Amino acid sequence: GNTYIQARQYDKAIEQLRKTLEMDQSFYFAHALLGMAYQ
């Protein structure tokens, strides 16, 4: 997801990071990256 953010592919980043959080909602790094994609 982080790589998609840097590539400016924000919709793909959001999709990937949501999938990551489905695996573990407590993974703070994914929440931070998802926030960046939304921003």
All heavy atoms as atom14 arrays in JSON, in Angstrom:
{
  "sequence": "GNTYIQARQYDKAIEQLRKTLEMDQSFYFAHALLGMAYQ",
  "atom14_mask": [
    [1, 1, 1, 1, 0, 0, 0, 0, 0, 0, 0, 0, 0, 0],
    [1, 1, 1, 1, 1, 1, 1, 1, 0, 0, 0, 0, 0, 0],
    [1, 1, 1, 1, 1, 1, 1, 0, 0, 0, 0, 0, 0, 0],
    [1, 1, 1, 1, 1, 1, 1, 1, 1, 1, 1, 1, 0, 0],
    [1, 1, 1, 1, 1, 1, 1, 1, 0, 0, 0, 0, 0, 0],
    [1, 1, 1, 1, 1, 1, 1, 1, 1, 0, 0, 0, 0, 0],
    [1, 1, 1, 1, 1, 0, 0, 0, 0, 0, 0, 0, 0, 0],
    [1, 1, 1, 1, 1, 1, 1, 1, 1, 1, 1, 0, 0, 0],
    [1, 1, 1, 1, 1, 1, 1, 1, 1, 0, 0, 0, 0, 0],
    [1, 1, 1, 1, 1, 1, 1, 1, 1, 1, 1, 1, 0, 0],
    [1, 1, 1, 1, 1, 1, 1, 1, 0, 0, 0, 0, 0, 0],
    [1, 1, 1, 1, 1, 1, 1, 1, 1, 0, 0, 0, 0, 0],
    [1, 1, 1, 1, 1, 0, 0, 0, 0, 0, 0, 0, 0, 0],
    [1, 1, 1, 1, 1, 1, 1, 1, 0, 0, 0, 0, 0, 0],
    [1, 1, 1, 1, 1, 1, 1, 1, 1, 0, 0, 0, 0, 0],
    [1, 1, 1, 1, 1, 1, 1, 1, 1, 0, 0, 0, 0, 0],
    [1, 1, 1, 1, 1, 1, 1, 1, 0, 0, 0, 0, 0, 0],
    [1, 1, 1, 1, 1, 1, 1, 1, 1, 1, 1, 0, 0, 0],
    [1, 1, 1, 1, 1, 1, 1, 1, 1, 0, 0, 0, 0, 0],
    [1, 1, 1, 1, 1, 1, 1, 0, 0, 0, 0, 0, 0, 0],
    [1, 1, 1, 1, 1, 1, 1, 1, 0, 0, 0, 0, 0, 0],
    [1, 1, 1, 1, 1, 1, 1, 1, 1, 0, 0, 0, 0, 0],
    [1, 1, 1, 1, 1, 1, 1, 1, 0, 0, 0, 0, 0, 0],
    [1, 1, 1, 1, 1, 1, 1, 1, 0, 0, 0, 0, 0, 0],
    [1, 1, 1, 1, 1, 1, 1, 1, 1, 0, 0, 0, 0, 0],
    [1, 1, 1, 1, 1, 1, 0, 0, 0, 0, 0, 0, 0, 0],
    [1, 1, 1, 1, 1, 1, 1, 1, 1, 1, 1, 0, 0, 0],
    [1, 1, 1, 1, 1, 1, 1, 1, 1, 1, 1, 1, 0, 0],
    [1, 1, 1, 1, 1, 1, 1, 1, 1, 1, 1, 0, 0, 0],
    [1, 1, 1, 1, 1, 0, 0, 0, 0, 0, 0, 0, 0, 0],
    [1, 1, 1, 1, 1, 1, 1, 1, 1, 1, 0, 0, 0, 0],
    [1, 1, 1, 1, 1, 0, 0, 0, 0, 0, 0, 0, 0, 0],
    [1, 1, 1, 1, 1, 1, 1, 1, 0, 0, 0, 0, 0, 0],
    [1, 1, 1, 1, 1, 1, 1, 1, 0, 0, 0, 0, 0, 0],
    [1, 1, 1, 1, 0, 0, 0, 0, 0, 0, 0, 0, 0, 0],
    [1, 1, 1, 1, 1, 1, 1, 1, 0, 0, 0, 0, 0, 0],
    [1, 1, 1, 1, 1, 0, 0, 0, 0, 0, 0, 0, 0, 0],
    [1, 1, 1, 1, 1, 1, 1, 1, 1, 1, 1, 1, 0, 0],
    [1, 1, 1, 1, 1, 1, 1, 1, 1, 0, 0, 0, 0, 0]
  ],
  "atom14_positions": [
    [[0.82, -1.21, 0.0], [0.0, 0.0, 0.0], [0.85, 1.26, 0.0], [0.54, 2.24, -0.69], [0.0, 0.0, 0.0], [0.0, 0.0, 0.0], [0.0, 0.0, 0.0], [0.0, 0.0, 0.0], [0.0, 0.0, 0.0], [0.0, 0.0, 0.0], [0.0, 0.0, 0.0], [0.0, 0.0, 0.0], [0.0, 0.0, 0.0], [0.0, 0.0, 0.0]],
    [[1.93, 1.23, 0.75], [2.87, 2.35, 0.82], [3.45, 2.66, -0.56], [3.58, 3.82, -0.97], [3.99, 1.99, 1.81], [4.88, 3.16, 2.16], [4.59, 4.31, 1.83], [5.97, 2.88, 2.85], [0.0, 0.0, 0.0], [0.0, 0.0, 0.0], [0.0, 0.0, 0.0], [0.0, 0.0, 0.0], [0.0, 0.0, 0.0], [0.0, 0.0, 0.0]],
    [[3.79, 1.61, -1.31], [4.34, 1.78, -2.65], [3.31, 2.4, -3.59], [3.63, 3.29, -4.39], [4.81, 0.42, -3.2], [5.79, -0.12, -2.3], [5.46, 0.57, -4.57], [0.0, 0.0, 0.0], [0.0, 0.0, 0.0], [0.0, 0.0, 0.0], [0.0, 0.0, 0.0], [0.0, 0.0, 0.0], [0.0, 0.0, 0.0], [0.0, 0.0, 0.0]],
    [[2.06, 1.99, -3.47], [1.0, 2.59, -4.27], [0.83, 4.09, -3.95], [0.57, 4.9, -4.84], [-0.32, 1.86, -4.05], [-0.5, 0.6, -4.86], [-0.94, -0.59, -4.26], [-0.27, 0.58, -6.24], [-1.13, -1.75, -4.99], [-0.44, -0.58, -6.98], [-0.88, -1.73, -6.36], [-1.05, -2.88, -7.1], [0.0, 0.0, 0.0], [0.0, 0.0, 0.0]],
    [[0.98, 4.45, -2.67], [0.89, 5.86, -2.29], [1.99, 6.66, -2.99], [1.73, 7.72, -3.57], [0.99, 6.03, -0.76], [-0.27, 5.5, -0.07], [1.19, 7.51, -0.39], [-0.17, 5.43, 1.44], [0.0, 0.0, 0.0], [0.0, 0.0, 0.0], [0.0, 0.0, 0.0], [0.0, 0.0, 0.0], [0.0, 0.0, 0.0], [0.0, 0.0, 0.0]],
    [[3.21, 6.16, -2.93], [4.32, 6.87, -3.54], [4.15, 6.97, -5.07], [4.61, 7.93, -5.69], [5.64, 6.17, -3.18], [5.96, 6.28, -1.69], [7.15, 5.42, -1.29], [8.29, 5.74, -1.61], [6.88, 4.33, -0.59], [0.0, 0.0, 0.0], [0.0, 0.0, 0.0], [0.0, 0.0, 0.0], [0.0, 0.0, 0.0], [0.0, 0.0, 0.0]],
    [[3.46, 5.98, -5.65], [3.2, 5.98, -7.09], [1.97, 6.82, -7.44], [1.58, 6.88, -8.61], [3.02, 4.55, -7.59], [0.0, 0.0, 0.0], [0.0, 0.0, 0.0], [0.0, 0.0, 0.0], [0.0, 0.0, 0.0], [0.0, 0.0, 0.0], [0.0, 0.0, 0.0], [0.0, 0.0, 0.0], [0.0, 0.0, 0.0], [0.0, 0.0, 0.0]],
    [[1.34, 7.43, -6.44], [0.14, 8.26, -6.62], [-1.06, 7.43, -7.08], [-1.98, 7.96, -7.68], [0.37, 9.38, -7.64], [0.97, 10.7, -7.18], [2.16, 10.6, -6.33], [2.75, 11.94, -6.09], [3.92, 12.11, -5.53], [4.64, 11.05, -5.19], [4.39, 13.3, -5.32], [0.0, 0.0, 0.0], [0.0, 0.0, 0.0], [0.0, 0.0, 0.0]],
    [[-1.06, 6.17, -6.78], [-2.2, 5.3, -7.12], [-3.02, 5.1, -5.84], [-3.0, 4.03, -5.22], [-1.69, 3.98, -7.7], [-0.93, 4.14, -9.01], [-0.5, 2.82, -9.61], [-1.19, 1.8, -9.49], [0.65, 2.83, -10.27], [0.0, 0.0, 0.0], [0.0, 0.0, 0.0], [0.0, 0.0, 0.0], [0.0, 0.0, 0.0], [0.0, 0.0, 0.0]],
    [[-3.73, 6.15, -5.47], [-4.34, 6.19, -4.14], [-5.5, 5.21, -3.97], [-5.67, 4.64, -2.88], [-4.78, 7.62, -3.82], [-3.65, 8.6, -3.88], [-3.71, 9.72, -4.71], [-2.49, 8.4, -3.14], [-2.65, 10.62, -4.78], [-1.42, 9.28, -3.21], [-1.51, 10.4, -4.04], [-0.46, 11.27, -4.12], [0.0, 0.0, 0.0], [0.0, 0.0, 0.0]],
    [[-6.3, 5.0, -4.99], [-7.4, 4.04, -4.87], [-6.87, 2.63, -4.63], [-7.42, 1.88, -3.79], [-8.27, 4.06, -6.13], [-9.11, 5.33, -6.24], [-9.44, 5.91, -5.18], [-9.43, 5.74, -7.36], [0.0, 0.0, 0.0], [0.0, 0.0, 0.0], [0.0, 0.0, 0.0], [0.0, 0.0, 0.0], [0.0, 0.0, 0.0], [0.0, 0.0, 0.0]],
    [[-5.81, 2.26, -5.35], [-5.21, 0.94, -5.13], [-4.58, 0.86, -3.74], [-4.62, -0.2, -3.1], [-4.17, 0.66, -6.21], [-4.77, 0.39, -7.58], [-3.7, 0.03, -8.6], [-4.32, -0.29, -9.96], [-3.3, -0.64, -10.97], [0.0, 0.0, 0.0], [0.0, 0.0, 0.0], [0.0, 0.0, 0.0], [0.0, 0.0, 0.0], [0.0, 0.0, 0.0]],
    [[-4.01, 1.97, -3.28], [-3.43, 1.99, -1.93], [-4.51, 1.75, -0.88], [-4.32, 0.95, 0.06], [-2.74, 3.33, -1.68], [0.0, 0.0, 0.0], [0.0, 0.0, 0.0], [0.0, 0.0, 0.0], [0.0, 0.0, 0.0], [0.0, 0.0, 0.0], [0.0, 0.0, 0.0], [0.0, 0.0, 0.0], [0.0, 0.0, 0.0], [0.0, 0.0, 0.0]],
    [[-5.63, 2.44, -1.03], [-6.73, 2.29, -0.06], [-7.23, 0.86, -0.05], [-7.44, 0.26, 1.02], [-7.87, 3.28, -0.39], [-7.41, 4.71, -0.08], [-9.13, 2.94, 0.39], [-8.33, 5.8, -0.63], [0.0, 0.0, 0.0], [0.0, 0.0, 0.0], [0.0, 0.0, 0.0], [0.0, 0.0, 0.0], [0.0, 0.0, 0.0], [0.0, 0.0, 0.0]],
    [[-7.41, 0.28, -1.24], [-7.87, -1.11, -1.33], [-6.89, -2.06, -0.66], [-7.29, -2.95, 0.13], [-8.05, -1.5, -2.8], [-8.53, -2.92, -3.01], [-8.62, -3.3, -4.48], [-8.25, -2.47, -5.34], [-9.04, -4.43, -4.77], [0.0, 0.0, 0.0], [0.0, 0.0, 0.0], [0.0, 0.0, 0.0], [0.0, 0.0, 0.0], [0.0, 0.0, 0.0]],
    [[-5.6, -1.89, -0.93], [-4.59, -2.77, -0.36], [-4.49, -2.62, 1.16], [-4.36, -3.61, 1.89], [-3.23, -2.5, -1.01], [-2.06, -3.25, -0.4], [-2.23, -4.76, -0.46], [-2.78, -5.31, -1.41], [-1.77, -5.44, 0.58], [0.0, 0.0, 0.0], [0.0, 0.0, 0.0], [0.0, 0.0, 0.0], [0.0, 0.0, 0.0], [0.0, 0.0, 0.0]],
    [[-4.55, -1.4, 1.63], [-4.41, -1.17, 3.08], [-5.65, -1.62, 3.85], [-5.53, -2.08, 4.99], [-4.09, 0.31, 3.33], [-2.69, 0.7, 2.83], [-2.56, 2.21, 2.68], [-1.62, 0.16, 3.77], [0.0, 0.0, 0.0], [0.0, 0.0, 0.0], [0.0, 0.0, 0.0], [0.0, 0.0, 0.0], [0.0, 0.0, 0.0], [0.0, 0.0, 0.0]],
    [[-6.81, -1.51, 3.25], [-8.02, -2.06, 3.89], [-7.9, -3.57, 4.03], [-8.27, -4.16, 5.06], [-9.26, -1.7, 3.07], [-9.74, -0.27, 3.25], [-10.89, 0.02, 2.31], [-11.49, 1.33, 2.53], [-12.35, 1.89, 1.68], [-12.7, 1.26, 0.57], [-12.85, 3.08, 1.94], [0.0, 0.0, 0.0], [0.0, 0.0, 0.0], [0.0, 0.0, 0.0]],
    [[-7.37, -4.22, 2.99], [-7.16, -5.67, 3.05], [-6.16, -6.03, 4.15], [-6.32, -7.03, 4.85], [-6.65, -6.19, 1.7], [-7.7, -6.2, 0.6], [-7.11, -6.7, -0.7], [-8.13, -6.73, -1.81], [-7.53, -7.15, -3.11], [0.0, 0.0, 0.0], [0.0, 0.0, 0.0], [0.0, 0.0, 0.0], [0.0, 0.0, 0.0], [0.0, 0.0, 0.0]],
    [[-5.13, -5.2, 4.29], [-4.13, -5.43, 5.34], [-4.78, -5.35, 6.72], [-4.53, -6.19, 7.59], [-2.99, -4.4, 5.23], [-2.44, -4.42, 3.92], [-1.89, -4.69, 6.25], [0.0, 0.0, 0.0], [0.0, 0.0, 0.0], [0.0, 0.0, 0.0], [0.0, 0.0, 0.0], [0.0, 0.0, 0.0], [0.0, 0.0, 0.0], [0.0, 0.0, 0.0]],
    [[-5.64, -4.37, 6.9], [-6.29, -4.18, 8.2], [-7.34, -5.25, 8.47], [-7.65, -5.53, 9.64], [-6.9, -2.78, 8.29], [-5.86, -1.67, 8.45], [-6.48, -0.3, 8.23], [-5.21, -1.74, 9.84], [0.0, 0.0, 0.0], [0.0, 0.0, 0.0], [0.0, 0.0, 0.0], [0.0, 0.0, 0.0], [0.0, 0.0, 0.0], [0.0, 0.0, 0.0]],
    [[-7.88, -5.86, 7.42], [-8.77, -7.0, 7.63], [-8.02, -8.16, 8.26], [-8.59, -8.97, 9.0], [-9.38, -7.44, 6.29], [-10.46, -6.51, 5.77], [-10.93, -6.89, 4.37], [-10.5, -7.96, 3.88], [-11.71, -6.12, 3.78], [0.0, 0.0, 0.0], [0.0, 0.0, 0.0], [0.0, 0.0, 0.0], [0.0, 0.0, 0.0], [0.0, 0.0, 0.0]],
    [[-6.72, -8.22, 8.0], [-5.88, -9.26, 8.59], [-5.58, -8.98, 10.05], [-5.48, -9.89, 10.87], [-4.57, -9.38, 7.8], [-4.75, -9.83, 6.36], [-3.29, -9.52, 5.33], [-2.08, -10.58, 6.12], [0.0, 0.0, 0.0], [0.0, 0.0, 0.0], [0.0, 0.0, 0.0], [0.0, 0.0, 0.0], [0.0, 0.0, 0.0], [0.0, 0.0, 0.0]],
    [[-5.44, -7.69, 10.39], [-5.13, -7.31, 11.77], [-5.47, -5.83, 11.97], [-4.74, -4.95, 11.52], [-3.66, -7.55, 12.09], [-3.32, -7.33, 13.55], [-4.17, -6.78, 14.28], [-2.21, -7.69, 13.97], [0.0, 0.0, 0.0], [0.0, 0.0, 0.0], [0.0, 0.0, 0.0], [0.0, 0.0, 0.0], [0.0, 0.0, 0.0], [0.0, 0.0, 0.0]],
    [[-6.58, -5.57, 12.64], [-7.04, -4.19, 12.87], [-6.12, -3.41, 13.8], [-6.21, -2.19, 13.88], [-8.45, -4.2, 13.44], [-9.55, -4.37, 12.42], [-9.73, -3.14, 11.55], [-9.5, -2.01, 11.98], [-10.16, -3.34, 10.31], [0.0, 0.0, 0.0], [0.0, 0.0, 0.0], [0.0, 0.0, 0.0], [0.0, 0.0, 0.0], [0.0, 0.0, 0.0]],
    [[-5.23, -4.12, 14.5], [-4.38, -3.44, 15.48], [-3.03, -3.0, 14.89], [-2.18, -2.47, 15.62], [-4.13, -4.35, 16.69], [-3.33, -5.47, 16.32], [0.0, 0.0, 0.0], [0.0, 0.0, 0.0], [0.0, 0.0, 0.0], [0.0, 0.0, 0.0], [0.0, 0.0, 0.0], [0.0, 0.0, 0.0], [0.0, 0.0, 0.0], [0.0, 0.0, 0.0]],
    [[-2.84, -3.19, 13.59], [-1.56, -2.85, 12.97], [-1.53, -1.35, 12.67], [-2.04, -0.9, 11.64], [-1.36, -3.68, 11.7], [0.02, -3.59, 11.1], [1.16, -3.53, 11.9], [0.19, -3.58, 9.73], [2.43, -3.45, 11.35], [1.46, -3.51, 9.16], [2.58, -3.44, 9.97], [0.0, 0.0, 0.0], [0.0, 0.0, 0.0], [0.0, 0.0, 0.0]],
    [[-0.92, -0.6, 13.56], [-1.01, 0.86, 13.5], [-0.41, 1.43, 12.21], [-0.91, 2.43, 11.67], [-0.32, 1.49, 14.72], [1.14, 1.84, 14.53], [1.52, 3.15, 14.22], [2.14, 0.87, 14.62], [2.85, 3.48, 14.02], [3.47, 1.2, 14.42], [3.82, 2.5, 14.13], [5.15, 2.83, 13.93], [0.0, 0.0, 0.0], [0.0, 0.0, 0.0]],
    [[0.66, 0.81, 11.71], [1.34, 1.31, 10.52], [0.39, 1.36, 9.32], [0.4, 2.31, 8.52], [2.55, 0.42, 10.23], [3.39, 0.84, 9.06], [3.92, 2.12, 8.97], [3.67, -0.06, 8.03], [4.71, 2.51, 7.89], [4.46, 0.31, 6.95], [4.97, 1.6, 6.88], [0.0, 0.0, 0.0], [0.0, 0.0, 0.0], [0.0, 0.0, 0.0]],
    [[-0.47, 0.35, 9.19], [-1.42, 0.31, 8.08], [-2.47, 1.41, 8.24], [-2.9, 2.01, 7.25], [-2.09, -1.05, 8.0], [0.0, 0.0, 0.0], [0.0, 0.0, 0.0], [0.0, 0.0, 0.0], [0.0, 0.0, 0.0], [0.0, 0.0, 0.0], [0.0, 0.0, 0.0], [0.0, 0.0, 0.0], [0.0, 0.0, 0.0], [0.0, 0.0, 0.0]],
    [[-2.89, 1.69, 9.47], [-3.82, 2.79, 9.7], [-3.19, 4.13, 9.29], [-3.85, 4.97, 8.66], [-4.23, 2.85, 11.17], [-5.24, 1.83, 11.57], [-6.57, 1.9, 11.2], [-5.12, 0.69, 12.31], [-7.23, 0.86, 11.71], [-6.36, 0.12, 12.39], [0.0, 0.0, 0.0], [0.0, 0.0, 0.0], [0.0, 0.0, 0.0], [0.0, 0.0, 0.0]],
    [[-1.93, 4.32, 9.65], [-1.25, 5.57, 9.3], [-1.14, 5.74, 7.79], [-1.39, 6.82, 7.24], [0.14, 5.62, 9.94], [0.0, 0.0, 0.0], [0.0, 0.0, 0.0], [0.0, 0.0, 0.0], [0.0, 0.0, 0.0], [0.0, 0.0, 0.0], [0.0, 0.0, 0.0], [0.0, 0.0, 0.0], [0.0, 0.0, 0.0], [0.0, 0.0, 0.0]],
    [[-0.78, 4.66, 7.1], [-0.67, 4.71, 5.64], [-2.03, 4.92, 4.99], [-2.16, 5.68, 4.01], [-0.03, 3.44, 5.11], [1.46, 3.25, 5.42], [1.9, 1.85, 5.03], [2.31, 4.3, 4.7], [0.0, 0.0, 0.0], [0.0, 0.0, 0.0], [0.0, 0.0, 0.0], [0.0, 0.0, 0.0], [0.0, 0.0, 0.0], [0.0, 0.0, 0.0]],
    [[-3.06, 4.28, 5.53], [-4.4, 4.46, 4.99], [-4.84, 5.91, 5.16], [-5.46, 6.49, 4.26], [-5.38, 3.5, 5.68], [-6.83, 3.53, 5.2], [-6.93, 3.29, 3.69], [-7.67, 2.5, 5.96], [0.0, 0.0, 0.0], [0.0, 0.0, 0.0], [0.0, 0.0, 0.0], [0.0, 0.0, 0.0], [0.0, 0.0, 0.0], [0.0, 0.0, 0.0]],
    [[-4.49, 6.5, 6.3], [-4.78, 7.92, 6.51], [-4.11, 8.78, 5.45], [-4.71, 9.73, 4.91], [0.0, 0.0, 0.0], [0.0, 0.0, 0.0], [0.0, 0.0, 0.0], [0.0, 0.0, 0.0], [0.0, 0.0, 0.0], [0.0, 0.0, 0.0], [0.0, 0.0, 0.0], [0.0, 0.0, 0.0], [0.0, 0.0, 0.0], [0.0, 0.0, 0.0]],
    [[-2.87, 8.45, 5.11], [-2.15, 9.22, 4.1], [-2.84, 9.1, 2.73], [-2.97, 10.08, 1.99], [-0.7, 8.74, 4.02], [0.21, 9.67, 3.24], [1.91, 9.03, 3.12], [2.34, 8.9, 4.87], [0.0, 0.0, 0.0], [0.0, 0.0, 0.0], [0.0, 0.0, 0.0], [0.0, 0.0, 0.0], [0.0, 0.0, 0.0], [0.0, 0.0, 0.0]],
    [[-3.26, 7.88, 2.39], [-3.94, 7.67, 1.11], [-5.24, 8.46, 1.06], [-5.55, 9.1, 0.04], [-4.2, 6.18, 0.9], [0.0, 0.0, 0.0], [0.0, 0.0, 0.0], [0.0, 0.0, 0.0], [0.0, 0.0, 0.0], [0.0, 0.0, 0.0], [0.0, 0.0, 0.0], [0.0, 0.0, 0.0], [0.0, 0.0, 0.0], [0.0, 0.0, 0.0]],
    [[-6.01, 8.43, 2.15], [-7.24, 9.22, 2.2], [-6.93, 10.72, 2.07], [-7.63, 11.45, 1.37], [-7.98, 8.97, 3.52], [-8.82, 7.72, 3.56], [-8.74, 6.84, 4.64], [-9.72, 7.41, 2.53], [-9.52, 5.69, 4.7], [-10.5, 6.26, 2.59], [-10.4, 5.41, 3.67], [-11.18, 4.28, 3.72], [0.0, 0.0, 0.0], [0.0, 0.0, 0.0]],
    [[-5.9, 11.16, 2.76], [-5.53, 12.58, 2.71], [-5.24, 13.02, 1.28], [-5.69, 14.08, 0.84], [-4.33, 12.86, 3.61], [-3.89, 14.32, 3.58], [-2.78, 14.63, 4.57], [-2.47, 13.81, 5.43], [-2.18, 15.8, 4.46], [0.0, 0.0, 0.0], [0.0, 0.0, 0.0], [0.0, 0.0, 0.0], [0.0, 0.0, 0.0], [0.0, 0.0, 0.0]]
  ]
}
